[in-house]
Structures are given as C-alpha cells and as structure tokens.
Amino acid sequence: MIGDVFMNRVDLTDIGAIRRFWNITREDGVASWFGTTQTWMVGLTALLLYLLQRHDTDKPKWRRLGWLIVGLVLLYLAMDDGAQFHERVGTAVRETFGDADSETRGIGFFPSYAWQAVFLPLLSAFAVFVLLFVYHELETQADRLLVVAAIVLLAVAVGIDFTEGLEIDHRLNVQGYLMRNLAWAQDSVRHYAKSLEEFIEMLAITLLWVALLSHLVRVAPRFGFNLESDGADV
C-alpha cells in the first residue's frame, strides 16, 4: 500500500509500467500476485493439516474432512482471485438477467455488484463454517482471536466493495457522500477505497495464515513431525 501511494499516486516515476506494477487496485500488479499467492499458501496449510490428521481415529470423520473443505475452498478462492472468475460470472449474470437498458451494476432488487448477489451467500456460508470449525479446532485463545479478527476484516472488505458498487447517489454510498459533500476527487476516492479494501483482505488472510501455522506447529509432533527449532546448529 505504501508503494502504491508513493510510486503510483504521488508520481515518483513517470514510467507507466512501474506505476501499474505498484498499483494495488490492478489485477496485474505485485499486490494482486501477493494476495493470490498468500491465499493459495493458506489453502495448502489447511490441506497439510488434513493430511496429518486424516488417519486420526480419535477424531470423528467430519472433523478430519473439515480441514479438507477449508483447504479446497481457499485454493478455489486463490484461483478465483487470480482469474477474476467472480467478476466475470457477475458480468455474465447481469447481462443475462439484468436490464439491458440500465447502467446499474446490480441485478433485480440487488443494488450493488451482480457478483455479490451470486457469490455472497456462498462466501457467507463458508465464513460461518470457518468461524465455527476452525475456532473449535484451534487450541489456544490467541489463535481463535486471530480467526475471528480475520473473518471480521473480510466482512469489512466485502462491505466496502458493496458500497462501491452502489449508484453514486445512493444513501449508503460512502464514496459518493465524500465526493458530493467534501468535494473530494472521484478518482482519488475510488482508488483509495479500493486500496483500503485490498489491504484489509490481505491483512485478514495473513491473520488466518498465522493462526493455521501456529496450530500446525502444535499438532505436527503428535504425528511424528517436529516443526519447532531445537536451537541446534545445522
């Protein structure tokens, strides 16, 4: 986000390619690569937890399969983020079921981006599942709080995206309010709102990854793997 401010918005360079590289709102910049890779790694961490515990007969089968579900969904989200799958599906749905003569980005009664009308129920169900399952599986209160914080931050990011998709004069469109009442430039408001949204998403995934890695270090020794350093020289 700092690189976006100074290299892109403050114009420390006039080279467009360099500015686009640091632009946190673009899908072809370093921030997008980082976010996609990060989500992918969290998914792999969840799958590793599943592989470690899949033969643990002391746990019911659904608890072992829970980590598989978490891992596969996170890997899908990484793919989705990198390929812009939800945006493309949202556009297809809007063009198919929306009003062809309307400039709104929503469909039917839904006032914001069409992709949210399609994917938000599924994402909400997954968030609730992660909150209940992972919260139950983790063994320390600190790790549980990290997961709660991650879910809350992701909800905030989705909320920001929801307001962005509203019509500019909608009463819930915070960006429109800033433009109309504080005379803030539209380009700056939209850019920094999107930057904040992306930063919050990456922070949320970071907190979730820290919680899962912490749990992995704790449970691995029970299955013959010691992931903690004993301080010995290598």
C-alpha atoms as a PDB file:
ATOM      1  CA  MET A   1       0.000   0.000   0.000  1.00  0.00           C
ATOM      2  CA  ILE A   2       2.927   2.346   0.732  1.00  0.00           C
ATOM      3  CA  GLY A   3       4.402   1.529  -2.669  1.00  0.00           C
ATOM      4  CA  ASP A   4       1.047   2.325  -4.272  1.00  0.00           C
ATOM      5  CA  VAL A   5       0.902   5.730  -2.582  1.00  0.00           C
ATOM      6  CA  PHE A   6       4.416   6.859  -3.418  1.00  0.00           C
ATOM      7  CA  MET A   7       5.183   5.063  -6.690  1.00  0.00           C
ATOM      8  CA  ASN A   8       1.720   5.366  -8.210  1.00  0.00           C
ATOM      9  CA  ARG A   9      -0.299   8.190  -6.675  1.00  0.00           C
ATOM     10  CA  VAL A  10       2.488  10.636  -5.747  1.00  0.00           C
ATOM     11  CA  ASP A  11       4.123  10.004  -9.124  1.00  0.00           C
ATOM     12  CA  LEU A  12       7.702   9.357  -8.025  1.00  0.00           C
ATOM     13  CA  THR A  13       8.119   7.955 -11.526  1.00  0.00           C
ATOM     14  CA  ASP A  14       6.600   8.873 -14.859  1.00  0.00           C
ATOM     15  CA  ILE A  15       7.014   5.367 -16.227  1.00  0.00           C
ATOM     16  CA  GLY A  16       3.517   3.930 -16.603  1.00  0.00           C
ATOM     17  CA  ALA A  17       4.647   0.307 -16.386  1.00  0.00           C
ATOM     18  CA  ILE A  18       6.304   0.896 -12.998  1.00  0.00           C
ATOM     19  CA  ARG A  19       3.280   2.758 -11.660  1.00  0.00           C
ATOM     20  CA  ARG A  20       0.948  -0.047 -12.759  1.00  0.00           C
ATOM     21  CA  PHE A  21       3.243  -2.576 -11.101  1.00  0.00           C
ATOM     22  CA  TRP A  22       2.729  -0.884  -7.715  1.00  0.00           C
ATOM     23  CA  ASN A  23      -0.943  -0.055  -8.234  1.00  0.00           C
ATOM     24  CA  ILE A  24      -2.718  -2.084  -5.548  1.00  0.00           C
ATOM     25  CA  THR A  25      -6.063  -1.844  -7.341  1.00  0.00           C
ATOM     26  CA  ARG A  26      -4.904  -3.550 -10.542  1.00  0.00           C
ATOM     27  CA  GLU A  27      -5.118  -7.288 -11.120  1.00  0.00           C
ATOM     28  CA  ASP A  28      -1.717  -7.382 -12.866  1.00  0.00           C
ATOM     29  CA  GLY A  29       0.382  -5.742 -10.137  1.00  0.00           C
ATOM     30  CA  VAL A  30       2.562  -7.037  -7.327  1.00  0.00           C
ATOM     31  CA  ALA A  31      -0.226  -6.664  -4.749  1.00  0.00           C
ATOM     32  CA  SER A  32      -2.552  -8.942  -6.714  1.00  0.00           C
ATOM     33  CA  TRP A  33       0.212 -11.535  -7.079  1.00  0.00           C
ATOM     34  CA  PHE A  34       0.928 -11.351  -3.351  1.00  0.00           C
ATOM     35  CA  GLY A  35      -2.737 -11.710  -2.375  1.00  0.00           C
ATOM     36  CA  THR A  36      -3.333 -14.661  -4.686  1.00  0.00           C
ATOM     37  CA  THR A  37      -0.157 -16.454  -3.596  1.00  0.00           C
ATOM     38  CA  GLN A  38      -0.931 -15.808   0.056  1.00  0.00           C
ATOM     39  CA  THR A  39      -4.436 -17.297  -0.203  1.00  0.00           C
ATOM     40  CA  TRP A  40      -3.003 -20.291  -2.062  1.00  0.00           C
ATOM     41  CA  MET A  41      -0.475 -20.903   0.717  1.00  0.00           C
ATOM     42  CA  VAL A  42      -3.156 -20.732   3.420  1.00  0.00           C
ATOM     43  CA  GLY A  43      -5.123 -23.325   1.455  1.00  0.00           C
ATOM     44  CA  LEU A  44      -2.075 -25.592   1.271  1.00  0.00           C
ATOM     45  CA  THR A  45      -1.561 -25.188   5.023  1.00  0.00           C
ATOM     46  CA  ALA A  46      -5.145 -26.331   5.646  1.00  0.00           C
ATOM     47  CA  LEU A  47      -4.625 -29.315   3.334  1.00  0.00           C
ATOM     48  CA  LEU A  48      -1.443 -30.226   5.222  1.00  0.00           C
ATOM     49  CA  LEU A  49      -3.442 -30.208   8.448  1.00  0.00           C
ATOM     50  CA  TYR A  50      -5.907 -32.558   6.787  1.00  0.00           C
ATOM     51  CA  LEU A  51      -3.159 -34.912   5.589  1.00  0.00           C
ATOM     52  CA  LEU A  52      -1.661 -35.060   9.075  1.00  0.00           C
ATOM     53  CA  GLN A  53      -4.972 -35.881  10.724  1.00  0.00           C
ATOM     54  CA  ARG A  54      -6.842 -37.910   8.118  1.00  0.00           C
ATOM     55  CA  HIS A  55      -5.996 -41.214   9.844  1.00  0.00           C
ATOM     56  CA  ASP A  56      -6.563 -39.927  13.360  1.00  0.00           C
ATOM     57  CA  THR A  57      -9.315 -42.256  14.519  1.00  0.00           C
ATOM     58  CA  ASP A  58      -9.608 -40.356  17.792  1.00  0.00           C
ATOM     59  CA  LYS A  59     -11.443 -37.634  15.866  1.00  0.00           C
ATOM     60  CA  PRO A  60     -14.776 -38.110  14.082  1.00  0.00           C
ATOM     61  CA  LYS A  61     -14.557 -38.204  10.296  1.00  0.00           C
ATOM     62  CA  TRP A  62     -16.328 -34.864   9.824  1.00  0.00           C
ATOM     63  CA  ARG A  63     -13.658 -33.093  11.863  1.00  0.00           C
ATOM     64  CA  ARG A  64     -10.924 -34.542   9.690  1.00  0.00           C
ATOM     65  CA  LEU A  65     -12.783 -33.685   6.491  1.00  0.00           C
ATOM     66  CA  GLY A  66     -13.319 -30.137   7.739  1.00  0.00           C
ATOM     67  CA  TRP A  67      -9.693 -29.248   7.023  1.00  0.00           C
ATOM     68  CA  LEU A  68     -10.039 -30.689   3.519  1.00  0.00           C
ATOM     69  CA  ILE A  69     -13.055 -28.458   2.876  1.00  0.00           C
ATOM     70  CA  VAL A  70     -11.260 -25.373   4.216  1.00  0.00           C
ATOM     71  CA  GLY A  71      -8.188 -26.102   2.096  1.00  0.00           C
ATOM     72  CA  LEU A  72     -10.051 -26.753  -1.148  1.00  0.00           C
ATOM     73  CA  VAL A  73     -12.235 -23.654  -0.820  1.00  0.00           C
ATOM     74  CA  LEU A  74      -9.210 -21.463  -0.100  1.00  0.00           C
ATOM     75  CA  LEU A  75      -7.418 -22.882  -3.152  1.00  0.00           C
ATOM     76  CA  TYR A  76     -10.507 -22.089  -5.206  1.00  0.00           C
ATOM     77  CA  LEU A  77     -10.566 -18.533  -3.833  1.00  0.00           C
ATOM     78  CA  ALA A  78      -6.919 -18.105  -4.846  1.00  0.00           C
ATOM     79  CA  MET A  79      -7.755 -19.277  -8.366  1.00  0.00           C
ATOM     80  CA  ASP A  80     -10.830 -17.057  -8.424  1.00  0.00           C
ATOM     81  CA  ASP A  81      -8.823 -14.024  -7.346  1.00  0.00           C
ATOM     82  CA  GLY A  82      -6.153 -14.590  -9.954  1.00  0.00           C
ATOM     83  CA  ALA A  83      -8.572 -15.302 -12.811  1.00  0.00           C
ATOM     84  CA  GLN A  84     -11.224 -12.713 -11.796  1.00  0.00           C
ATOM     85  CA  PHE A  85     -13.743 -15.532 -12.002  1.00  0.00           C
ATOM     86  CA  HIS A  86     -16.403 -13.980  -9.750  1.00  0.00           C
ATOM     87  CA  GLU A  87     -16.307 -10.665 -11.633  1.00  0.00           C
ATOM     88  CA  ARG A  88     -16.715 -12.444 -14.967  1.00  0.00           C
ATOM     89  CA  VAL A  89     -19.593 -14.569 -13.676  1.00  0.00           C
ATOM     90  CA  GLY A  90     -21.204 -11.455 -12.193  1.00  0.00           C
ATOM     91  CA  THR A  91     -20.957  -9.644 -15.520  1.00  0.00           C
ATOM     92  CA  ALA A  92     -22.426 -12.637 -17.348  1.00  0.00           C
ATOM     93  CA  VAL A  93     -25.319 -12.858 -14.879  1.00  0.00           C
ATOM     94  CA  ARG A  94     -26.025  -9.123 -15.116  1.00  0.00           C
ATOM     95  CA  GLU A  95     -26.013  -9.179 -18.897  1.00  0.00           C
ATOM     96  CA  THR A  96     -28.274 -12.243 -18.922  1.00  0.00           C
ATOM     97  CA  PHE A  97     -30.791 -11.379 -16.218  1.00  0.00           C
ATOM     98  CA  GLY A  98     -30.366  -7.636 -15.725  1.00  0.00           C
ATOM     99  CA  ASP A  99     -31.941  -4.707 -17.503  1.00  0.00           C
ATOM    100  CA  ALA A 100     -30.034  -4.224 -20.736  1.00  0.00           C
ATOM    101  CA  ASP A 101     -31.005  -0.528 -20.830  1.00  0.00           C
ATOM    102  CA  SER A 102     -29.821   0.183 -17.285  1.00  0.00           C
ATOM    103  CA  GLU A 103     -26.320   1.288 -16.322  1.00  0.00           C
ATOM    104  CA  THR A 104     -26.618  -0.231 -12.850  1.00  0.00           C
ATOM    105  CA  ARG A 105     -24.107  -2.926 -11.932  1.00  0.00           C
ATOM    106  CA  GLY A 106     -26.627  -4.971  -9.941  1.00  0.00           C
ATOM    107  CA  ILE A 107     -29.498  -7.254 -10.887  1.00  0.00           C
ATOM    108  CA  GLY A 108     -33.112  -7.177  -9.809  1.00  0.00           C
ATOM    109  CA  PHE A 109     -33.554  -5.891  -6.284  1.00  0.00           C
ATOM    110  CA  PHE A 110     -29.819  -6.221  -5.511  1.00  0.00           C
ATOM    111  CA  PRO A 111     -28.324  -2.708  -5.776  1.00  0.00           C
ATOM    112  CA  SER A 112     -24.594  -3.477  -5.867  1.00  0.00           C
ATOM    113  CA  TYR A 113     -22.290  -5.646  -7.990  1.00  0.00           C
ATOM    114  CA  ALA A 114     -24.044  -8.643  -9.536  1.00  0.00           C
ATOM    115  CA  TRP A 115     -21.255 -10.989  -8.458  1.00  0.00           C
ATOM    116  CA  GLN A 116     -22.139 -10.346  -4.824  1.00  0.00           C
ATOM    117  CA  ALA A 117     -25.736 -11.422  -5.406  1.00  0.00           C
ATOM    118  CA  VAL A 118     -24.386 -14.711  -6.813  1.00  0.00           C
ATOM    119  CA  PHE A 119     -21.399 -15.460  -4.562  1.00  0.00           C
ATOM    120  CA  LEU A 120     -22.094 -13.618  -1.312  1.00  0.00           C
ATOM    121  CA  PRO A 121     -24.432 -16.299   0.111  1.00  0.00           C
ATOM    122  CA  LEU A 122     -21.804 -18.971  -0.616  1.00  0.00           C
ATOM    123  CA  LEU A 123     -18.959 -16.886   0.802  1.00  0.00           C
ATOM    124  CA  SER A 124     -21.021 -16.097   3.907  1.00  0.00           C
ATOM    125  CA  ALA A 125     -21.724 -19.795   4.470  1.00  0.00           C
ATOM    126  CA  PHE A 126     -18.011 -20.591   4.116  1.00  0.00           C
ATOM    127  CA  ALA A 127     -17.081 -17.796   6.540  1.00  0.00           C
ATOM    128  CA  VAL A 128     -19.512 -19.168   9.121  1.00  0.00           C
ATOM    129  CA  PHE A 129     -18.113 -22.671   8.594  1.00  0.00           C
ATOM    130  CA  VAL A 130     -14.539 -21.456   9.065  1.00  0.00           C
ATOM    131  CA  LEU A 131     -15.513 -19.489  12.143  1.00  0.00           C
ATOM    132  CA  LEU A 132     -17.245 -22.471  13.774  1.00  0.00           C
ATOM    133  CA  PHE A 133     -14.998 -25.310  12.610  1.00  0.00           C
ATOM    134  CA  VAL A 134     -11.557 -23.714  12.776  1.00  0.00           C
ATOM    135  CA  TYR A 135     -12.432 -21.889  16.004  1.00  0.00           C
ATOM    136  CA  HIS A 136     -13.343 -25.277  17.508  1.00  0.00           C
ATOM    137  CA  GLU A 137     -10.206 -26.988  16.193  1.00  0.00           C
ATOM    138  CA  LEU A 138      -7.683 -24.407  17.368  1.00  0.00           C
ATOM    139  CA  GLU A 139      -6.258 -24.968  20.809  1.00  0.00           C
ATOM    140  CA  THR A 140      -5.280 -21.504  22.017  1.00  0.00           C
ATOM    141  CA  GLN A 141      -7.384 -18.431  22.596  1.00  0.00           C
ATOM    142  CA  ALA A 142      -4.860 -16.282  20.730  1.00  0.00           C
ATOM    143  CA  ASP A 143      -5.244 -18.358  17.555  1.00  0.00           C
ATOM    144  CA  ARG A 144      -9.029 -18.274  17.869  1.00  0.00           C
ATOM    145  CA  LEU A 145      -8.998 -14.494  18.188  1.00  0.00           C
ATOM    146  CA  LEU A 146      -6.889 -14.276  15.033  1.00  0.00           C
ATOM    147  CA  VAL A 147      -9.516 -16.242  13.129  1.00  0.00           C
ATOM    148  CA  VAL A 148     -12.333 -14.061  14.473  1.00  0.00           C
ATOM    149  CA  ALA A 149     -10.377 -10.935  13.511  1.00  0.00           C
ATOM    150  CA  ALA A 150      -9.761 -12.350  10.016  1.00  0.00           C
ATOM    151  CA  ILE A 151     -13.464 -13.041   9.448  1.00  0.00           C
ATOM    152  CA  VAL A 152     -14.433  -9.575  10.701  1.00  0.00           C
ATOM    153  CA  LEU A 153     -11.872  -7.904   8.432  1.00  0.00           C
ATOM    154  CA  LEU A 154     -13.078  -9.874   5.412  1.00  0.00           C
ATOM    155  CA  ALA A 155     -16.641  -8.789   6.182  1.00  0.00           C
ATOM    156  CA  VAL A 156     -15.460  -5.170   6.311  1.00  0.00           C
ATOM    157  CA  ALA A 157     -13.707  -5.566   2.941  1.00  0.00           C
ATOM    158  CA  VAL A 158     -16.847  -7.011   1.359  1.00  0.00           C
ATOM    159  CA  GLY A 159     -18.840  -4.144   2.870  1.00  0.00           C
ATOM    160  CA  ILE A 160     -16.514  -1.606   1.263  1.00  0.00           C
ATOM    161  CA  ASP A 161     -16.879  -3.385  -2.069  1.00  0.00           C
ATOM    162  CA  PHE A 162     -20.669  -3.410  -1.649  1.00  0.00           C
ATOM    163  CA  THR A 163     -20.834   0.363  -1.144  1.00  0.00           C
ATOM    164  CA  GLU A 164     -18.511   0.867  -4.124  1.00  0.00           C
ATOM    165  CA  GLY A 165     -20.965  -0.959  -6.370  1.00  0.00           C
ATOM    166  CA  LEU A 166     -23.923   1.223  -5.399  1.00  0.00           C
ATOM    167  CA  GLU A 167     -25.165   4.065  -7.556  1.00  0.00           C
ATOM    168  CA  ILE A 168     -23.209   7.248  -6.860  1.00  0.00           C
ATOM    169  CA  ASP A 169     -26.235   8.980  -5.316  1.00  0.00           C
ATOM    170  CA  HIS A 170     -27.295   6.016  -3.165  1.00  0.00           C
ATOM    171  CA  ARG A 171     -27.604   6.953   0.501  1.00  0.00           C
ATOM    172  CA  LEU A 172     -25.274   4.091   1.512  1.00  0.00           C
ATOM    173  CA  ASN A 173     -22.559   5.015  -0.975  1.00  0.00           C
ATOM    174  CA  VAL A 174     -19.877   6.483   1.286  1.00  0.00           C
ATOM    175  CA  GLN A 175     -17.680   7.325  -1.678  1.00  0.00           C
ATOM    176  CA  GLY A 176     -20.475   9.338  -3.264  1.00  0.00           C
ATOM    177  CA  TYR A 177     -21.001  11.193   0.011  1.00  0.00           C
ATOM    178  CA  LEU A 178     -17.317  12.164   0.168  1.00  0.00           C
ATOM    179  CA  MET A 179     -17.397  13.362  -3.429  1.00  0.00           C
ATOM    180  CA  ARG A 180     -20.584  15.410  -3.031  1.00  0.00           C
ATOM    181  CA  ASN A 181     -20.131  16.894   0.425  1.00  0.00           C
ATOM    182  CA  LEU A 182     -16.371  17.169   0.825  1.00  0.00           C
ATOM    183  CA  ALA A 183     -15.545  17.824  -2.826  1.00  0.00           C
ATOM    184  CA  TRP A 184     -13.014  15.003  -2.888  1.00  0.00           C
ATOM    185  CA  ALA A 185     -11.851  13.987  -6.352  1.00  0.00           C
ATOM    186  CA  GLN A 186     -13.681  10.947  -7.685  1.00  0.00           C
ATOM    187  CA  ASP A 187     -10.511   9.269  -8.914  1.00  0.00           C
ATOM    188  CA  SER A 188      -8.764   9.595  -5.543  1.00  0.00           C
ATOM    189  CA  VAL A 189     -11.790   8.467  -3.525  1.00  0.00           C
ATOM    190  CA  ARG A 190     -12.334   5.365  -5.638  1.00  0.00           C
ATOM    191  CA  HIS A 191      -8.661   4.494  -5.736  1.00  0.00           C
ATOM    192  CA  TYR A 192      -8.009   4.761  -2.009  1.00  0.00           C
ATOM    193  CA  ALA A 193     -11.275   2.986  -1.153  1.00  0.00           C
ATOM    194  CA  LYS A 194     -10.220   0.091  -3.367  1.00  0.00           C
ATOM    195  CA  SER A 195      -6.702   0.204  -1.923  1.00  0.00           C
ATOM    196  CA  LEU A 196      -8.091   0.030   1.605  1.00  0.00           C
ATOM    197  CA  GLU A 197     -10.306  -2.892   0.644  1.00  0.00           C
ATOM    198  CA  GLU A 198      -7.397  -4.850  -0.843  1.00  0.00           C
ATOM    199  CA  PHE A 199      -5.163  -4.102   2.154  1.00  0.00           C
ATOM    200  CA  ILE A 200      -7.833  -5.280   4.597  1.00  0.00           C
ATOM    201  CA  GLU A 201      -8.297  -8.501   2.627  1.00  0.00           C
ATOM    202  CA  MET A 202      -4.561  -9.245   2.676  1.00  0.00           C
ATOM    203  CA  LEU A 203      -4.349  -8.456   6.391  1.00  0.00           C
ATOM    204  CA  ALA A 204      -7.256 -10.822   7.072  1.00  0.00           C
ATOM    205  CA  ILE A 205      -5.639 -13.663   5.118  1.00  0.00           C
ATOM    206  CA  THR A 206      -2.357 -13.012   6.947  1.00  0.00           C
ATOM    207  CA  LEU A 207      -4.061 -13.363  10.341  1.00  0.00           C
ATOM    208  CA  LEU A 208      -5.777 -16.570   9.236  1.00  0.00           C
ATOM    209  CA  TRP A 209      -2.483 -17.997   7.971  1.00  0.00           C
ATOM    210  CA  VAL A 210      -0.696 -17.174  11.229  1.00  0.00           C
ATOM    211  CA  ALA A 211      -3.429 -18.983  13.161  1.00  0.00           C
ATOM    212  CA  LEU A 212      -3.232 -22.090  10.957  1.00  0.00           C
ATOM    213  CA  LEU A 213       0.579 -22.185  11.023  1.00  0.00           C
ATOM    214  CA  SER A 214       0.535 -21.871  14.802  1.00  0.00           C
ATOM    215  CA  HIS A 215      -1.902 -24.779  15.004  1.00  0.00           C
ATOM    216  CA  LEU A 216       0.181 -26.817  12.558  1.00  0.00           C
ATOM    217  CA  VAL A 217       3.282 -26.414  14.713  1.00  0.00           C
ATOM    218  CA  ARG A 218       1.335 -27.660  17.731  1.00  0.00           C
ATOM    219  CA  VAL A 219      -0.274 -30.737  16.188  1.00  0.00           C
ATOM    220  CA  ALA A 220       2.545 -31.928  13.903  1.00  0.00           C
ATOM    221  CA  PRO A 221       4.649 -33.536  16.710  1.00  0.00           C
ATOM    222  CA  ARG A 222       1.703 -35.804  17.584  1.00  0.00           C
ATOM    223  CA  PHE A 223       2.042 -37.390  14.164  1.00  0.00           C
ATOM    224  CA  GLY A 224       5.830 -37.731  14.161  1.00  0.00           C
ATOM    225  CA  PHE A 225       6.761 -34.315  12.732  1.00  0.00           C
ATOM    226  CA  ASN A 226       8.636 -31.724  14.760  1.00  0.00           C
ATOM    227  CA  LEU A 227       8.323 -28.304  13.126  1.00  0.00           C
ATOM    228  CA  GLU A 228       9.822 -26.382  16.009  1.00  0.00           C
ATOM    229  CA  SER A 229      13.515 -25.487  16.010  1.00  0.00           C
ATOM    230  CA  ASP A 230      15.516 -27.070  18.848  1.00  0.00           C
ATOM    231  CA  GLY A 231      18.268 -24.470  18.526  1.00  0.00           C
ATOM    232  CA  ALA A 232      20.846 -26.967  17.293  1.00  0.00           C
ATOM    233  CA  ASP A 233      23.403 -25.887  14.719  1.00  0.00           C
ATOM    234  CA  VAL A 234      22.764 -27.049  11.185  1.00  0.00           C
END
